Amino acid sequence: MPAPFDQPYLQRALVEITLLAVVAGVLGTWIVLRQMSFFAHAVGTAAFPGLVLADGLAFPALIGAFGMAAVVAIAVSVIAGGRDERRDSATALMLVGAIAAGVILASDVFHSQGNVDQLLFGSLLVVGPADLRFGAAVAVLAVLAAAMARRSWLLHGFDPPSARSLGGRS
């Protein structure tokens, strides 16, 4: 192991980045093919108010982030009404609203202004064994999902109008 990586916390950080790279590589391809890059970015960023709530109310950050991301995804779906041409506008509205809610919660409710960068970006240097197990589970799930849905995702990614007639389910 090269000298900078002889510390256990740096080794864990490297493993975590590798696991995230697997997930990003596998799912990122399908996200781009489905033209959902903005939506994927927005849902992740819009989890910010959930992270602020988790920090302020002392419950697990993953629950707060996942809960808020689910709320944003459902709201985008409802606002867009199933029409692709409205999806980006709905995504933008929800993203701005979620970031504003996170800033208000962080500054006025929980007074965690100094903690905002850590809530938004985290820190690779504090990755622990539980984080590595979670990252590995997500990587395995991403690879399995991509393997199981490969045909359908290919059909919908490259030829959405013909996908249903070729036997692809969305």
N, C-alpha and C. Protein backbone atom coordinates (compact mmCIF):
# COMPACT_ATOMS: atom_id res chain seq x y z
N MET A 1 0.85 -1.17 0.00
CA MET A 1 0.00 0.00 0.00
C MET A 1 0.90 1.24 0.00
N PRO A 2 0.68 2.17 -0.92
CA PRO A 2 1.49 3.41 -0.92
C PRO A 2 1.36 4.16 0.41
N ALA A 3 2.37 4.92 0.74
CA ALA A 3 2.47 5.59 2.03
C ALA A 3 1.21 6.38 2.43
N PRO A 4 0.61 7.18 1.54
CA PRO A 4 -0.57 7.95 1.99
C PRO A 4 -1.74 7.06 2.41
N PHE A 5 -1.78 5.83 1.92
CA PHE A 5 -2.93 4.96 2.19
C PHE A 5 -2.65 3.92 3.27
N ASP A 6 -1.64 4.12 4.09
CA ASP A 6 -1.38 3.16 5.14
C ASP A 6 -2.25 3.39 6.38
N GLN A 7 -2.98 4.48 6.39
CA GLN A 7 -3.91 4.77 7.49
C GLN A 7 -5.26 4.08 7.23
N PRO A 8 -5.85 3.45 8.23
CA PRO A 8 -7.11 2.73 8.03
C PRO A 8 -8.26 3.61 7.52
N TYR A 9 -8.34 4.86 7.99
CA TYR A 9 -9.43 5.73 7.53
C TYR A 9 -9.30 6.06 6.05
N LEU A 10 -8.08 6.16 5.54
CA LEU A 10 -7.91 6.40 4.11
C LEU A 10 -8.21 5.14 3.30
N GLN A 11 -7.91 3.99 3.84
CA GLN A 11 -8.23 2.74 3.16
C GLN A 11 -9.75 2.57 3.05
N ARG A 12 -10.46 2.88 4.15
CA ARG A 12 -11.92 2.80 4.12
C ARG A 12 -12.49 3.79 3.11
N ALA A 13 -11.93 4.98 3.05
CA ALA A 13 -12.39 5.99 2.10
C ALA A 13 -12.21 5.50 0.66
N LEU A 14 -11.07 4.87 0.39
CA LEU A 14 -10.80 4.35 -0.95
C LEU A 14 -11.78 3.24 -1.33
N VAL A 15 -12.07 2.35 -0.39
CA VAL A 15 -13.04 1.27 -0.64
C VAL A 15 -14.42 1.87 -0.90
N GLU A 16 -14.81 2.86 -0.11
CA GLU A 16 -16.13 3.50 -0.28
C GLU A 16 -16.24 4.17 -1.65
N ILE A 17 -15.21 4.85 -2.07
CA ILE A 17 -15.22 5.50 -3.38
C ILE A 17 -15.33 4.45 -4.48
N THR A 18 -14.65 3.34 -4.32
CA THR A 18 -14.72 2.26 -5.31
C THR A 18 -16.14 1.70 -5.39
N LEU A 19 -16.77 1.50 -4.24
CA LEU A 19 -18.15 1.00 -4.23
C LEU A 19 -19.10 2.01 -4.88
N LEU A 20 -18.92 3.28 -4.59
CA LEU A 20 -19.75 4.31 -5.21
C LEU A 20 -19.53 4.38 -6.72
N ALA A 21 -18.30 4.13 -7.15
CA ALA A 21 -18.00 4.14 -8.58
C ALA A 21 -18.74 3.01 -9.30
N VAL A 22 -18.86 1.86 -8.64
CA VAL A 22 -19.61 0.74 -9.24
C VAL A 22 -21.07 1.14 -9.42
N VAL A 23 -21.67 1.70 -8.38
CA VAL A 23 -23.08 2.11 -8.46
C VAL A 23 -23.26 3.20 -9.51
N ALA A 24 -22.40 4.20 -9.50
CA ALA A 24 -22.51 5.31 -10.46
C ALA A 24 -22.31 4.82 -11.89
N GLY A 25 -21.38 3.93 -12.08
CA GLY A 25 -21.13 3.43 -13.43
C GLY A 25 -22.28 2.60 -13.97
N VAL A 26 -22.81 1.74 -13.12
CA VAL A 26 -23.90 0.86 -13.56
C VAL A 26 -25.19 1.63 -13.76
N LEU A 27 -25.61 2.40 -12.76
CA LEU A 27 -26.88 3.11 -12.86
C LEU A 27 -26.79 4.38 -13.71
N GLY A 28 -25.62 5.02 -13.71
CA GLY A 28 -25.45 6.26 -14.46
C GLY A 28 -25.70 6.08 -15.95
N THR A 29 -25.28 4.98 -16.49
CA THR A 29 -25.50 4.70 -17.91
C THR A 29 -26.98 4.69 -18.24
N TRP A 30 -27.76 4.00 -17.41
CA TRP A 30 -29.20 3.91 -17.67
C TRP A 30 -29.89 5.25 -17.42
N ILE A 31 -29.42 5.99 -16.45
CA ILE A 31 -30.01 7.31 -16.17
C ILE A 31 -29.81 8.23 -17.36
N VAL A 32 -28.63 8.22 -17.94
CA VAL A 32 -28.37 9.07 -19.10
C VAL A 32 -29.19 8.61 -20.31
N LEU A 33 -29.28 7.29 -20.53
CA LEU A 33 -30.08 6.79 -21.65
C LEU A 33 -31.55 7.17 -21.52
N ARG A 34 -32.07 7.19 -20.32
CA ARG A 34 -33.47 7.55 -20.09
C ARG A 34 -33.68 9.05 -20.01
N GLN A 35 -32.62 9.83 -20.19
CA GLN A 35 -32.65 11.30 -20.15
C GLN A 35 -33.19 11.80 -18.81
N MET A 36 -32.68 11.20 -17.74
CA MET A 36 -33.12 11.57 -16.40
C MET A 36 -31.97 12.10 -15.54
N SER A 37 -30.94 12.64 -16.18
CA SER A 37 -29.77 13.11 -15.44
C SER A 37 -30.13 14.23 -14.46
N PHE A 38 -30.90 15.21 -14.92
CA PHE A 38 -31.28 16.32 -14.06
C PHE A 38 -32.12 15.83 -12.89
N PHE A 39 -33.05 14.93 -13.17
CA PHE A 39 -33.90 14.38 -12.11
C PHE A 39 -33.07 13.63 -11.07
N ALA A 40 -32.14 12.80 -11.51
CA ALA A 40 -31.31 12.04 -10.59
C ALA A 40 -30.46 12.97 -9.71
N HIS A 41 -29.91 14.00 -10.32
CA HIS A 41 -29.12 14.98 -9.55
C HIS A 41 -30.02 15.71 -8.56
N ALA A 42 -31.19 16.12 -9.01
CA ALA A 42 -32.09 16.91 -8.17
C ALA A 42 -32.59 16.12 -6.97
N VAL A 43 -32.94 14.86 -7.17
CA VAL A 43 -33.46 14.05 -6.05
C VAL A 43 -32.38 13.88 -4.98
N GLY A 44 -31.15 13.66 -5.40
CA GLY A 44 -30.07 13.54 -4.43
C GLY A 44 -29.81 14.84 -3.68
N THR A 45 -29.83 15.94 -4.39
CA THR A 45 -29.60 17.24 -3.76
C THR A 45 -30.79 17.65 -2.89
N ALA A 46 -31.99 17.31 -3.34
CA ALA A 46 -33.19 17.69 -2.60
C ALA A 46 -33.35 16.92 -1.30
N ALA A 47 -32.49 15.95 -1.05
CA ALA A 47 -32.52 15.22 0.23
C ALA A 47 -31.97 16.08 1.37
N PHE A 48 -31.45 17.25 1.06
CA PHE A 48 -30.84 18.13 2.05
C PHE A 48 -31.75 18.43 3.25
N PRO A 49 -33.03 18.82 3.07
CA PRO A 49 -33.85 19.07 4.25
C PRO A 49 -34.00 17.84 5.15
N GLY A 50 -34.05 16.66 4.55
CA GLY A 50 -34.13 15.43 5.34
C GLY A 50 -32.88 15.23 6.17
N LEU A 51 -31.73 15.60 5.61
CA LEU A 51 -30.47 15.50 6.36
C LEU A 51 -30.43 16.50 7.51
N VAL A 52 -30.94 17.71 7.27
CA VAL A 52 -30.98 18.71 8.33
C VAL A 52 -31.91 18.25 9.45
N LEU A 53 -33.07 17.71 9.09
CA LEU A 53 -34.00 17.19 10.10
C LEU A 53 -33.37 16.04 10.89
N ALA A 54 -32.70 15.14 10.18
CA ALA A 54 -32.05 14.01 10.85
C ALA A 54 -30.98 14.50 11.83
N ASP A 55 -30.23 15.49 11.43
CA ASP A 55 -29.19 16.04 12.30
C ASP A 55 -29.81 16.75 13.49
N GLY A 56 -30.83 17.54 13.25
CA GLY A 56 -31.45 18.32 14.33
C GLY A 56 -32.28 17.49 15.28
N LEU A 57 -32.92 16.44 14.79
CA LEU A 57 -33.79 15.61 15.63
C LEU A 57 -33.12 14.30 16.06
N ALA A 58 -31.87 14.13 15.70
CA ALA A 58 -31.04 12.99 16.11
C ALA A 58 -31.62 11.63 15.70
N PHE A 59 -31.93 11.49 14.42
CA PHE A 59 -32.26 10.16 13.89
C PHE A 59 -31.34 9.90 12.71
N PRO A 60 -31.24 8.65 12.24
CA PRO A 60 -30.25 8.31 11.21
C PRO A 60 -30.38 9.14 9.93
N ALA A 61 -29.25 9.61 9.44
CA ALA A 61 -29.22 10.46 8.24
C ALA A 61 -29.78 9.74 7.02
N LEU A 62 -29.53 8.44 6.90
CA LEU A 62 -30.04 7.70 5.74
C LEU A 62 -31.56 7.72 5.69
N ILE A 63 -32.21 7.64 6.84
CA ILE A 63 -33.67 7.68 6.87
C ILE A 63 -34.16 9.06 6.44
N GLY A 64 -33.55 10.11 6.94
CA GLY A 64 -33.94 11.47 6.55
C GLY A 64 -33.73 11.73 5.08
N ALA A 65 -32.57 11.33 4.56
CA ALA A 65 -32.27 11.55 3.15
C ALA A 65 -33.20 10.75 2.25
N PHE A 66 -33.38 9.48 2.57
CA PHE A 66 -34.25 8.63 1.75
C PHE A 66 -35.69 9.12 1.79
N GLY A 67 -36.16 9.48 2.97
CA GLY A 67 -37.54 9.97 3.11
C GLY A 67 -37.78 11.22 2.29
N MET A 68 -36.87 12.17 2.37
CA MET A 68 -37.04 13.42 1.61
C MET A 68 -36.89 13.18 0.11
N ALA A 69 -35.96 12.32 -0.28
CA ALA A 69 -35.80 12.00 -1.70
C ALA A 69 -37.07 11.35 -2.25
N ALA A 70 -37.69 10.48 -1.46
CA ALA A 70 -38.94 9.84 -1.88
C ALA A 70 -40.06 10.87 -2.02
N VAL A 71 -40.14 11.79 -1.08
CA VAL A 71 -41.16 12.85 -1.15
C VAL A 71 -40.97 13.68 -2.41
N VAL A 72 -39.74 14.06 -2.70
CA VAL A 72 -39.46 14.87 -3.89
C VAL A 72 -39.78 14.09 -5.16
N ALA A 73 -39.39 12.83 -5.23
CA ALA A 73 -39.67 12.02 -6.42
C ALA A 73 -41.18 11.87 -6.65
N ILE A 74 -41.92 11.62 -5.60
CA ILE A 74 -43.38 11.49 -5.72
C ILE A 74 -44.00 12.82 -6.13
N ALA A 75 -43.54 13.91 -5.52
CA ALA A 75 -44.08 15.23 -5.86
C ALA A 75 -43.80 15.58 -7.32
N VAL A 76 -42.62 15.28 -7.81
CA VAL A 76 -42.30 15.53 -9.22
C VAL A 76 -43.25 14.75 -10.12
N SER A 77 -43.49 13.52 -9.76
CA SER A 77 -44.41 12.67 -10.53
C SER A 77 -45.81 13.25 -10.56
N VAL A 78 -46.28 13.70 -9.42
CA VAL A 78 -47.62 14.27 -9.33
C VAL A 78 -47.70 15.59 -10.10
N ILE A 79 -46.73 16.46 -9.92
CA ILE A 79 -46.74 17.76 -10.61
C ILE A 79 -46.64 17.58 -12.12
N ALA A 80 -45.76 16.67 -12.57
CA ALA A 80 -45.59 16.46 -14.01
C ALA A 80 -46.79 15.77 -14.63
N GLY A 81 -47.54 15.04 -13.84
CA GLY A 81 -48.74 14.39 -14.35
C GLY A 81 -48.46 13.36 -15.43
N GLY A 82 -47.29 12.72 -15.40
CA GLY A 82 -46.98 11.68 -16.37
C GLY A 82 -46.57 12.21 -17.73
N ARG A 83 -46.42 13.51 -17.86
CA ARG A 83 -46.02 14.09 -19.16
C ARG A 83 -44.54 14.44 -19.12
N ASP A 84 -43.79 13.85 -20.04
CA ASP A 84 -42.33 14.03 -20.07
C ASP A 84 -41.92 15.49 -20.24
N GLU A 85 -42.69 16.26 -21.01
CA GLU A 85 -42.31 17.65 -21.27
C GLU A 85 -42.45 18.53 -20.02
N ARG A 86 -43.16 18.06 -19.00
CA ARG A 86 -43.33 18.83 -17.77
C ARG A 86 -42.39 18.35 -16.66
N ARG A 87 -41.71 17.22 -16.88
CA ARG A 87 -40.90 16.62 -15.83
C ARG A 87 -39.74 17.52 -15.39
N ASP A 88 -39.04 18.15 -16.32
CA ASP A 88 -37.91 19.00 -15.94
C ASP A 88 -38.36 20.23 -15.16
N SER A 89 -39.47 20.83 -15.55
CA SER A 89 -39.99 21.99 -14.82
C SER A 89 -40.40 21.60 -13.41
N ALA A 90 -41.08 20.47 -13.28
CA ALA A 90 -41.49 19.99 -11.96
C ALA A 90 -40.27 19.67 -11.10
N THR A 91 -39.26 19.09 -11.72
CA THR A 91 -38.02 18.76 -11.01
C THR A 91 -37.35 20.04 -10.50
N ALA A 92 -37.29 21.05 -11.35
CA ALA A 92 -36.66 22.32 -10.96
C ALA A 92 -37.42 22.98 -9.80
N LEU A 93 -38.73 22.96 -9.86
CA LEU A 93 -39.53 23.55 -8.79
C LEU A 93 -39.29 22.83 -7.46
N MET A 94 -39.30 21.53 -7.49
CA MET A 94 -39.09 20.76 -6.26
C MET A 94 -37.67 20.92 -5.73
N LEU A 95 -36.70 20.99 -6.63
CA LEU A 95 -35.30 21.17 -6.21
C LEU A 95 -35.12 22.50 -5.49
N VAL A 96 -35.64 23.57 -6.08
CA VAL A 96 -35.51 24.89 -5.47
C VAL A 96 -36.24 24.92 -4.13
N GLY A 97 -37.44 24.36 -4.09
CA GLY A 97 -38.20 24.33 -2.84
C GLY A 97 -37.50 23.53 -1.75
N ALA A 98 -36.92 22.40 -2.11
CA ALA A 98 -36.24 21.56 -1.13
C ALA A 98 -34.97 22.24 -0.60
N ILE A 99 -34.22 22.87 -1.48
CA ILE A 99 -33.00 23.56 -1.02
C ILE A 99 -33.39 24.72 -0.12
N ALA A 100 -34.43 25.47 -0.50
CA ALA A 100 -34.89 26.58 0.35
C ALA A 100 -35.34 26.06 1.72
N ALA A 101 -36.08 24.97 1.73
CA ALA A 101 -36.53 24.39 3.01
C ALA A 101 -35.34 23.95 3.85
N GLY A 102 -34.34 23.36 3.21
CA GLY A 102 -33.14 22.94 3.93
C GLY A 102 -32.39 24.11 4.53
N VAL A 103 -32.27 25.19 3.77
CA VAL A 103 -31.57 26.38 4.26
C VAL A 103 -32.33 26.99 5.43
N ILE A 104 -33.65 27.09 5.32
CA ILE A 104 -34.45 27.65 6.42
C ILE A 104 -34.33 26.77 7.66
N LEU A 105 -34.44 25.45 7.48
CA LEU A 105 -34.30 24.55 8.62
C LEU A 105 -32.92 24.66 9.26
N ALA A 106 -31.89 24.73 8.43
CA ALA A 106 -30.51 24.77 8.95
C ALA A 106 -30.21 26.09 9.65
N SER A 107 -30.73 27.20 9.12
CA SER A 107 -30.35 28.49 9.68
C SER A 107 -31.29 28.97 10.78
N ASP A 108 -32.59 28.81 10.59
CA ASP A 108 -33.54 29.39 11.54
C ASP A 108 -34.09 28.41 12.57
N VAL A 109 -34.21 27.15 12.21
CA VAL A 109 -34.83 26.18 13.12
C VAL A 109 -33.79 25.48 13.98
N PHE A 110 -32.78 24.88 13.34
CA PHE A 110 -31.80 24.09 14.08
C PHE A 110 -30.47 24.82 14.30
N HIS A 111 -30.30 26.00 13.71
CA HIS A 111 -29.08 26.81 13.87
C HIS A 111 -27.82 25.99 13.63
N SER A 112 -27.80 25.27 12.51
CA SER A 112 -26.66 24.40 12.19
C SER A 112 -25.89 24.91 10.99
N GLN A 113 -25.73 26.24 10.91
CA GLN A 113 -25.07 26.83 9.74
C GLN A 113 -23.68 26.26 9.49
N GLY A 114 -22.89 26.07 10.52
CA GLY A 114 -21.54 25.56 10.35
C GLY A 114 -21.50 24.11 9.93
N ASN A 115 -22.60 23.42 10.07
CA ASN A 115 -22.69 22.00 9.78
C ASN A 115 -23.23 21.72 8.37
N VAL A 116 -23.63 22.76 7.65
CA VAL A 116 -24.30 22.59 6.36
C VAL A 116 -23.42 21.89 5.33
N ASP A 117 -22.17 22.25 5.24
CA ASP A 117 -21.30 21.59 4.25
C ASP A 117 -21.14 20.11 4.55
N GLN A 118 -21.07 19.75 5.82
CA GLN A 118 -20.96 18.34 6.17
C GLN A 118 -22.27 17.60 5.88
N LEU A 119 -23.40 18.27 6.07
CA LEU A 119 -24.69 17.65 5.76
C LEU A 119 -24.85 17.43 4.25
N LEU A 120 -24.39 18.39 3.47
CA LEU A 120 -24.52 18.29 2.01
C LEU A 120 -23.54 17.30 1.40
N PHE A 121 -22.31 17.32 1.86
CA PHE A 121 -21.26 16.55 1.19
C PHE A 121 -20.70 15.39 2.01
N GLY A 122 -20.93 15.39 3.31
CA GLY A 122 -20.38 14.33 4.15
C GLY A 122 -18.88 14.43 4.25
N SER A 123 -18.25 13.37 4.71
CA SER A 123 -16.80 13.34 4.82
C SER A 123 -16.32 11.91 4.64
N LEU A 124 -15.49 11.70 3.67
CA LEU A 124 -14.94 10.37 3.43
C LEU A 124 -14.03 9.91 4.55
N LEU A 125 -13.52 10.84 5.32
CA LEU A 125 -12.57 10.48 6.37
C LEU A 125 -13.25 9.88 7.60
N VAL A 126 -14.57 9.92 7.66
CA VAL A 126 -15.28 9.34 8.81
C VAL A 126 -16.07 8.10 8.42
N VAL A 127 -15.77 7.53 7.25
CA VAL A 127 -16.44 6.31 6.81
C VAL A 127 -16.05 5.17 7.74
N GLY A 128 -17.06 4.48 8.21
CA GLY A 128 -16.81 3.35 9.12
C GLY A 128 -17.21 2.03 8.49
N PRO A 129 -17.02 0.95 9.20
CA PRO A 129 -17.38 -0.37 8.68
C PRO A 129 -18.86 -0.50 8.30
N ALA A 130 -19.75 0.13 9.06
CA ALA A 130 -21.19 0.07 8.74
C ALA A 130 -21.46 0.76 7.40
N ASP A 131 -20.77 1.87 7.15
CA ASP A 131 -20.93 2.57 5.87
C ASP A 131 -20.44 1.71 4.72
N LEU A 132 -19.35 1.00 4.94
CA LEU A 132 -18.82 0.12 3.89
C LEU A 132 -19.78 -1.04 3.60
N ARG A 133 -20.38 -1.59 4.65
CA ARG A 133 -21.37 -2.67 4.44
C ARG A 133 -22.58 -2.14 3.67
N PHE A 134 -23.04 -0.96 4.03
CA PHE A 134 -24.18 -0.36 3.32
C PHE A 134 -23.81 -0.09 1.86
N GLY A 135 -22.64 0.48 1.63
CA GLY A 135 -22.18 0.75 0.27
C GLY A 135 -22.05 -0.52 -0.56
N ALA A 136 -21.55 -1.59 0.06
CA ALA A 136 -21.42 -2.86 -0.65
C ALA A 136 -22.79 -3.43 -0.99
N ALA A 137 -23.74 -3.32 -0.06
CA ALA A 137 -25.10 -3.81 -0.32
C ALA A 137 -25.74 -3.03 -1.46
N VAL A 138 -25.57 -1.72 -1.48
CA VAL A 138 -26.13 -0.90 -2.56
C VAL A 138 -25.48 -1.26 -3.89
N ALA A 139 -24.17 -1.47 -3.90
CA ALA A 139 -23.48 -1.85 -5.13
C ALA A 139 -23.98 -3.18 -5.66
N VAL A 140 -24.16 -4.15 -4.78
CA VAL A 140 -24.68 -5.46 -5.19
C VAL A 140 -26.09 -5.32 -5.74
N LEU A 141 -26.93 -4.56 -5.04
CA LEU A 141 -28.31 -4.34 -5.51
C LEU A 141 -28.34 -3.65 -6.87
N ALA A 142 -27.46 -2.67 -7.07
CA ALA A 142 -27.42 -1.96 -8.35
C ALA A 142 -27.02 -2.90 -9.49
N VAL A 143 -26.02 -3.74 -9.25
CA VAL A 143 -25.59 -4.69 -10.28
C VAL A 143 -26.69 -5.71 -10.56
N LEU A 144 -27.33 -6.22 -9.52
CA LEU A 144 -28.42 -7.17 -9.71
C LEU A 144 -29.60 -6.55 -10.45
N ALA A 145 -29.97 -5.33 -10.07
CA ALA A 145 -31.08 -4.65 -10.74
C ALA A 145 -30.77 -4.43 -12.22
N ALA A 146 -29.54 -4.01 -12.50
CA ALA A 146 -29.15 -3.79 -13.89
C ALA A 146 -29.15 -5.10 -14.67
N ALA A 147 -28.73 -6.17 -14.05
CA ALA A 147 -28.71 -7.47 -14.73
C ALA A 147 -30.13 -7.97 -14.99
N MET A 148 -31.01 -7.80 -14.01
CA MET A 148 -32.39 -8.29 -14.16
C MET A 148 -33.20 -7.44 -15.14
N ALA A 149 -32.96 -6.14 -15.15
CA ALA A 149 -33.76 -5.24 -16.00
C ALA A 149 -33.05 -4.87 -17.29
N ARG A 150 -31.95 -5.52 -17.58
CA ARG A 150 -31.10 -5.14 -18.72
C ARG A 150 -31.87 -5.01 -20.02
N ARG A 151 -32.63 -6.04 -20.39
CA ARG A 151 -33.33 -6.03 -21.68
C ARG A 151 -34.35 -4.89 -21.75
N SER A 152 -35.13 -4.76 -20.70
CA SER A 152 -36.14 -3.70 -20.67
C SER A 152 -35.48 -2.32 -20.69
N TRP A 153 -34.41 -2.15 -19.90
CA TRP A 153 -33.72 -0.86 -19.88
C TRP A 153 -33.10 -0.55 -21.23
N LEU A 154 -32.55 -1.54 -21.91
CA LEU A 154 -31.99 -1.32 -23.24
C LEU A 154 -33.07 -0.88 -24.22
N LEU A 155 -34.19 -1.59 -24.21
CA LEU A 155 -35.28 -1.23 -25.12
C LEU A 155 -35.79 0.18 -24.86
N HIS A 156 -36.02 0.51 -23.60
CA HIS A 156 -36.54 1.84 -23.28
C HIS A 156 -35.48 2.93 -23.43
N GLY A 157 -34.22 2.57 -23.28
CA GLY A 157 -33.16 3.56 -23.41
C GLY A 157 -32.85 3.93 -24.86
N PHE A 158 -32.93 2.95 -25.75
CA PHE A 158 -32.56 3.20 -27.14
C PHE A 158 -33.75 3.39 -28.07
N ASP A 159 -34.88 2.76 -27.76
CA ASP A 159 -36.03 2.87 -28.65
C ASP A 159 -37.34 2.85 -27.86
N PRO A 160 -37.62 3.95 -27.12
CA PRO A 160 -38.82 3.96 -26.27
C PRO A 160 -40.14 3.71 -27.01
N PRO A 161 -40.34 4.26 -28.20
CA PRO A 161 -41.63 4.00 -28.88
C PRO A 161 -41.85 2.53 -29.22
N SER A 162 -40.80 1.81 -29.52
CA SER A 162 -40.94 0.41 -29.92
C SER A 162 -40.79 -0.57 -28.75
N ALA A 163 -40.44 -0.08 -27.59
CA ALA A 163 -40.12 -0.96 -26.46
C ALA A 163 -41.28 -1.89 -26.11
N ARG A 164 -42.48 -1.35 -26.03
CA ARG A 164 -43.63 -2.18 -25.63
C ARG A 164 -43.92 -3.25 -26.66
N SER A 165 -43.84 -2.90 -27.94
CA SER A 165 -44.12 -3.88 -28.98
C SER A 165 -43.05 -4.99 -29.05
N LEU A 166 -41.86 -4.68 -28.54
CA LEU A 166 -40.77 -5.68 -28.52
C LEU A 166 -40.77 -6.48 -27.21
N GLY A 167 -41.74 -6.25 -26.37
CA GLY A 167 -41.87 -7.03 -25.14
C GLY A 167 -41.23 -6.42 -23.92
N GLY A 168 -40.84 -5.16 -24.01
CA GLY A 168 -40.22 -4.49 -22.85
C GLY A 168 -41.27 -3.83 -21.98
N ARG A 169 -41.17 -4.08 -20.68
CA ARG A 169 -42.08 -3.44 -19.74
C ARG A 169 -41.33 -2.31 -19.03
N SER A 170 -42.03 -1.24 -18.77
CA SER A 170 -41.38 -0.11 -18.09
C SER A 170 -41.53 -0.24 -16.60
